[in-house]
Protein backbone atom coordinates (compact mmCIF):
# COMPACT_ATOMS: atom_id res chain seq x y z
CA MET A 1 196.95 273.60 45.02
CA GLU A 2 194.31 275.34 42.92
CA ASN A 3 191.70 278.04 43.34
CA PHE A 4 188.70 276.14 42.00
CA ILE A 5 185.78 277.94 40.37
CA CYS A 6 182.19 276.71 40.60
CA MET A 7 180.81 276.30 37.10
CA THR A 8 177.26 277.11 38.17
CA CYS A 9 177.75 280.36 40.09
CA GLY A 10 181.25 281.30 38.89
CA ILE A 11 182.67 281.92 42.37
CA GLN A 12 186.37 281.24 42.93
CA TYR A 13 187.32 279.51 46.20
CA GLY A 14 190.48 279.52 48.29
CA GLU A 15 193.31 277.15 47.45
CA THR A 16 192.70 273.43 47.91
CA GLY A 17 194.43 270.29 46.71
CA ALA A 18 191.21 268.93 45.19
CA PRO A 19 187.87 270.46 44.20
CA PRO A 20 185.71 271.27 47.24
CA GLU A 21 182.90 268.85 48.00
CA HIS A 22 180.34 271.64 48.19
CA CYS A 23 179.72 275.08 46.79
CA LEU A 24 178.19 276.91 49.74
CA ILE A 25 176.86 279.64 47.45
CA CYS A 26 174.96 277.18 45.25
CA GLU A 27 173.64 275.13 48.17
CA ASP A 28 171.95 278.24 49.60
CA GLU A 29 168.25 278.56 48.71
CA ARG A 30 168.90 281.70 46.66
CA GLN A 31 171.06 279.75 44.21
CA TYR A 32 171.02 276.15 42.91
CA ILE A 33 173.14 273.12 42.06
CA GLY A 34 173.42 272.77 38.28
CA ILE A 35 171.41 270.09 36.53
CA LYS A 36 174.66 268.15 35.86
CA GLY A 37 175.61 268.30 39.53
CA GLN A 38 178.41 270.16 41.24
CA ARG A 39 181.18 270.89 38.74
CA TRP A 40 184.42 272.83 39.06
CA THR A 41 186.97 274.44 36.78
CA THR A 42 190.06 276.66 37.13
CA LEU A 43 191.32 279.83 35.51
CA SER A 44 193.89 277.89 33.51
CA GLU A 45 191.14 275.66 32.11
CA MET A 46 188.84 278.60 31.39
CA LYS A 47 191.52 280.36 29.37
CA LYS A 48 191.45 277.47 26.87
CA SER A 49 187.79 278.00 25.93
CA TYR A 50 186.72 281.50 26.97
CA LYS A 51 187.70 285.10 26.38
CA ASN A 52 186.41 288.43 27.61
CA ARG A 53 184.36 290.98 25.73
CA ILE A 54 185.32 294.54 26.66
CA GLU A 55 183.00 297.20 25.33
CA GLU A 56 182.27 300.85 26.07
CA ILE A 57 178.67 301.24 27.22
CA ASP A 58 178.53 304.99 27.79
CA ALA A 59 181.03 307.74 28.40
CA ASN A 60 183.45 306.64 31.15
CA ILE A 61 181.80 303.26 31.72
CA THR A 62 182.94 299.99 30.14
CA GLY A 63 181.39 296.54 30.30
CA ILE A 64 183.52 293.41 30.78
CA GLY A 65 181.89 290.01 30.25
CA THR A 66 182.88 286.50 29.26
CA THR A 67 182.11 284.79 25.96
CA PRO A 68 180.70 282.25 25.50
CA GLY A 69 178.52 282.84 28.54
CA PHE A 70 179.77 281.34 31.79
CA ALA A 71 177.94 280.58 35.06
CA ILE A 72 175.17 283.16 35.60
CA GLY A 73 176.48 285.35 32.79
CA GLN A 74 176.80 288.74 34.48
CA ARG A 75 179.15 291.41 33.21
CA ALA A 76 181.29 293.73 35.28
CA LEU A 77 181.34 297.50 34.86
CA LEU A 78 184.44 299.70 34.97
CA ILE A 79 183.77 303.32 35.90
CA GLN A 80 186.54 305.70 34.88
CA THR A 81 187.04 308.85 36.96
CA PRO A 82 189.84 311.43 37.15
CA LYS A 83 190.75 310.09 40.60
CA GLY A 84 190.85 306.41 39.63
CA ASN A 85 188.69 303.61 38.25
CA VAL A 86 186.21 301.45 40.15
CA LEU A 87 185.26 297.93 39.05
CA TRP A 88 181.66 297.19 39.95
CA ASP A 89 180.85 293.50 40.34
CA CYS A 90 183.21 290.99 38.78
CA ILE A 91 183.51 287.94 36.54
CA SER A 92 185.39 284.66 36.78
CA LEU A 93 187.80 284.99 33.86
CA ILE A 94 190.83 287.25 33.96
CA ASP A 95 193.65 286.81 31.45
CA ASP A 96 196.60 288.78 30.09
CA ALA A 97 194.57 290.37 27.29
CA THR A 98 191.97 291.60 29.79
CA VAL A 99 194.58 293.00 32.17
CA GLU A 100 196.29 294.86 29.32
CA ALA A 101 192.99 296.29 28.05
CA VAL A 102 191.95 297.46 31.51
CA ARG A 103 195.36 299.02 32.16
CA LEU A 104 194.96 301.02 28.94
CA LEU A 105 191.69 302.34 30.40
CA GLY A 106 193.47 303.45 33.58
CA GLY A 107 193.54 300.25 35.64
CA ILE A 108 191.51 299.58 38.78
CA SER A 109 191.80 301.58 42.01
CA ALA A 110 188.96 299.84 43.86
CA ILE A 111 186.52 296.96 43.48
CA ALA A 112 182.98 296.92 44.87
CA VAL A 113 180.29 294.28 44.56
CA SER A 114 176.50 294.22 44.77
CA HIS A 115 176.19 290.81 46.45
CA PRO A 116 177.93 287.39 46.66
CA HIS A 117 176.51 285.99 43.39
CA THR A 118 178.37 288.42 41.12
CA VAL A 119 181.91 288.30 42.44
CA GLY A 120 183.59 285.68 40.23
CA SER A 121 187.36 285.66 40.75
CA LEU A 122 187.50 289.10 42.36
CA VAL A 123 190.59 288.31 44.45
CA GLU A 124 192.47 287.46 41.25
CA TRP A 125 191.32 290.79 39.81
CA SER A 126 192.48 292.61 42.93
CA HIS A 127 195.91 290.98 42.80
CA ALA A 128 196.28 291.81 39.09
CA PHE A 129 195.79 295.49 39.87
CA ASP A 130 198.16 296.11 42.77
CA ASN A 131 195.90 294.53 45.40
CA ALA A 132 193.07 296.96 44.75
CA PRO A 133 190.79 297.09 47.82
CA ILE A 134 187.58 295.06 47.64
CA TYR A 135 184.64 296.83 49.28
CA TRP A 136 182.22 294.22 50.66
CA HIS A 137 179.40 294.93 53.11
CA ALA A 138 180.04 293.41 56.54
CA ASP A 139 176.54 291.89 56.59
CA ASN A 140 177.70 289.56 53.79
CA ARG A 141 181.01 288.67 55.44
CA ASP A 142 180.08 284.98 55.84
CA TRP A 143 179.75 284.63 52.05
CA VAL A 144 183.41 285.35 51.29
CA MET A 145 184.67 282.12 49.72
CA ARG A 146 188.28 283.20 49.16
CA PRO A 147 189.50 285.31 52.10
CA ASP A 148 192.19 287.89 51.35
CA PRO A 149 193.70 291.00 53.00
CA ALA A 150 192.31 293.12 50.15
CA TYR A 151 188.78 292.97 51.60
CA VAL A 152 187.44 296.13 53.21
CA PHE A 153 184.32 295.27 55.19
CA TRP A 154 182.22 298.39 55.42
CA GLU A 155 179.23 298.86 57.72
CA GLY A 156 176.14 301.01 57.88
CA ASP A 157 173.94 302.23 55.04
CA THR A 158 176.34 304.22 52.84
CA HIS A 159 180.04 304.27 52.10
CA PRO A 160 181.81 306.83 49.87
CA LEU A 161 184.38 305.52 47.43
CA LEU A 162 185.98 308.16 45.24
CA ASP A 163 184.98 311.06 43.02
CA GLY A 164 181.19 311.02 43.45
CA LEU A 165 180.79 307.25 43.86
CA THR A 166 178.81 306.01 46.87
CA LEU A 167 177.83 302.51 47.96
CA VAL A 168 174.26 302.29 49.26
CA ARG A 169 173.17 299.25 51.26
CA CYS A 170 169.63 298.28 50.24
CA GLY A 171 169.28 294.72 51.55
CA GLY A 172 166.64 292.50 50.02
CA HIS A 173 168.40 289.81 47.99
CA PHE A 174 171.09 289.56 50.71
CA PRO A 175 171.30 291.48 53.99
CA GLY A 176 174.24 293.44 52.62
CA SER A 177 173.05 293.80 49.02
CA ASP A 178 173.94 297.24 47.76
CA VAL A 179 173.96 299.50 44.73
CA LEU A 180 176.55 302.00 43.53
CA HIS A 181 175.48 305.60 43.00
CA TRP A 182 177.49 307.51 40.41
CA ALA A 183 176.80 311.22 40.71
CA GLN A 184 178.48 312.07 37.39
CA GLY A 185 176.79 309.26 35.49
CA ALA A 186 174.27 309.81 32.68
CA ASP A 187 175.91 313.10 31.67
CA GLY A 188 175.72 314.45 35.21
CA ARG A 189 172.12 313.43 35.88
CA GLY A 190 173.24 310.54 38.06
CA ALA A 191 173.15 306.77 37.65
CA LEU A 192 172.75 303.62 39.72
CA LEU A 193 174.67 300.41 39.15
CA THR A 194 172.41 297.77 40.67
CA GLY A 195 173.54 294.21 39.89
CA ASP A 196 170.29 292.46 40.74
CA THR A 197 169.57 294.30 43.96
CA MET A 198 167.22 295.88 41.44
CA GLN A 199 166.95 293.64 38.39
CA VAL A 200 166.28 295.52 35.16
CA ALA A 201 163.33 293.82 33.46
CA GLN A 202 163.55 292.59 29.88
CA ASP A 203 161.29 295.41 28.66
CA ARG A 204 163.68 297.87 30.33
CA ARG A 205 160.74 300.00 31.49
CA TYR A 206 160.67 298.39 34.94
CA VAL A 207 162.93 296.84 37.53
CA SER A 208 162.13 293.98 39.87
CA PHE A 209 163.17 292.69 43.28
CA MET A 210 163.56 289.10 44.44
CA TYR A 211 164.97 287.08 47.32
CA SER A 212 165.87 284.36 44.81
CA TYR A 213 165.69 284.91 41.06
CA PRO A 214 166.42 281.35 39.85
CA ASN A 215 164.14 279.78 42.47
CA MET A 216 161.48 282.51 42.10
CA ILE A 217 161.18 283.45 45.78
CA PRO A 218 159.76 286.97 46.10
CA LEU A 219 160.55 289.68 48.61
CA ASN A 220 157.91 291.08 50.93
CA ALA A 221 156.49 294.58 50.68
CA ARG A 222 158.53 295.95 53.57
CA ALA A 223 161.83 294.82 52.03
CA ILE A 224 160.92 296.34 48.67
CA GLN A 225 159.91 299.63 50.20
CA HIS A 226 163.20 299.72 52.12
CA ILE A 227 165.15 299.39 48.86
CA VAL A 228 163.22 302.30 47.35
CA ASP A 229 163.67 304.41 50.48
CA MET A 230 167.43 303.84 50.56
CA VAL A 231 168.00 305.29 47.08
CA GLU A 232 165.43 308.07 47.41
CA PRO A 233 167.96 310.69 48.64
CA PHE A 234 170.09 310.24 45.51
CA ALA A 235 169.60 311.84 42.11
CA TYR A 236 169.72 309.36 39.24
CA ASP A 237 168.28 309.15 35.74
CA ARG A 238 169.82 305.88 34.51
CA ILE A 239 170.19 302.34 35.85
CA TYR A 240 172.85 299.89 34.70
CA GLY A 241 171.76 296.35 35.56
CA GLY A 242 174.07 293.39 35.96
CA TRP A 243 173.81 291.94 32.45
CA TRP A 244 174.50 293.16 28.94
CA ASP A 245 171.85 295.50 27.50
CA LEU A 246 169.79 295.64 30.71
CA ILE A 247 169.82 299.42 31.11
CA VAL A 248 167.06 301.84 32.04
CA GLN A 249 168.17 304.74 29.87
CA ASN A 250 166.21 307.58 31.46
CA ASP A 251 163.60 308.48 34.09
CA ALA A 252 165.08 305.74 36.28
CA LYS A 253 163.98 307.19 39.61
CA SER A 254 160.34 307.15 38.53
CA THR A 255 160.90 303.67 37.10
CA VAL A 256 161.98 302.35 40.51
CA LYS A 257 158.97 303.88 42.26
CA ARG A 258 156.35 302.59 39.83
CA SER A 259 158.07 299.18 39.70
CA ALA A 260 157.85 298.88 43.48
CA GLU A 261 154.21 299.94 43.43
CA ARG A 262 153.40 297.34 40.77
CA TYR A 263 155.27 294.60 42.63
CA ILE A 264 153.70 295.35 46.01
CA LYS A 265 150.25 295.45 44.43
CA ALA A 266 150.83 292.06 42.81
CA ILE A 267 151.99 290.31 45.98
CA SER A 268 149.24 291.93 48.09
CA ALA A 269 146.30 290.94 45.89
C-alpha cells in the first residue's frame, strides 16, 4: 500500500494498492491534467531526485520549497512565534533532513492551508511533528484527498490560531479559500500570507484574483470585493505570496485596494 502523489498538482492521496485512476483535484476545472497525462509518484521515489530548500525570508519566517521544482512549485512558510510555530501551506516532499532542520527552528505546532491546491503531503508533515493539527476550512472539506484525525475543520469567517495569527476566510478561488493574518509580521506592522487567494503579481506592485489561474477563468466583481472586505479590518503592510520571491514588501493594504479596483475596471469594460 502506498500514498501516491499526483505529479501535476502535488497532492498526496490515501493509501491504495495501485495508483488511483483519477486525480480529483486535477480533473476539476480550476486545475488540469498534465500534458503527459495522469502520472503518480511516491515520497520514496521523490527522495531519489528532489531535496528541499529551506531559507529565512524575514525575521521569524522561513520558506520551504522543493528543488528542482515539483508540481505547481509553491513553497511553504514557517512562522516562528514564542508560543509555537505554524506551517502555512505545504509541499509534497518531506525527508529526514527537512524534519531535522524544522525541528532546529522549533518544530511545528499547527498547520494551516490557503486552499486545496497547496497542501502537498500535509498529513505526512503533521505525523512528522507529533500529529500537529491541520486547520482546513469546512467549506473545502470535500477536497481532502487523504483523510486523517489531525484535520480541524473550522467554520465561519475567522479563526484564531496562536500568538497573533488569525485565519480569514475570503472565498474566491475556492469557497473556503483563506489567508493568514500575522499581527507581528513586518516588524509589527502586520502581514498577510495569501497563497493565491491573492496572487502576488510578477511586478510585485499588484495582486490578482482568479477562479482558475492555469485555465485563466476570472472572478466576478462581487467575489473580488468580498475578498477585499474580509481583510479590511486587519492591519498589514506586507504580503507573502505562495511562491518564492513573490512578496509585496510594503504598503500592502493599499496594494490590495488598487489591485481590486484595476481588476474590476478591466472585467467591467
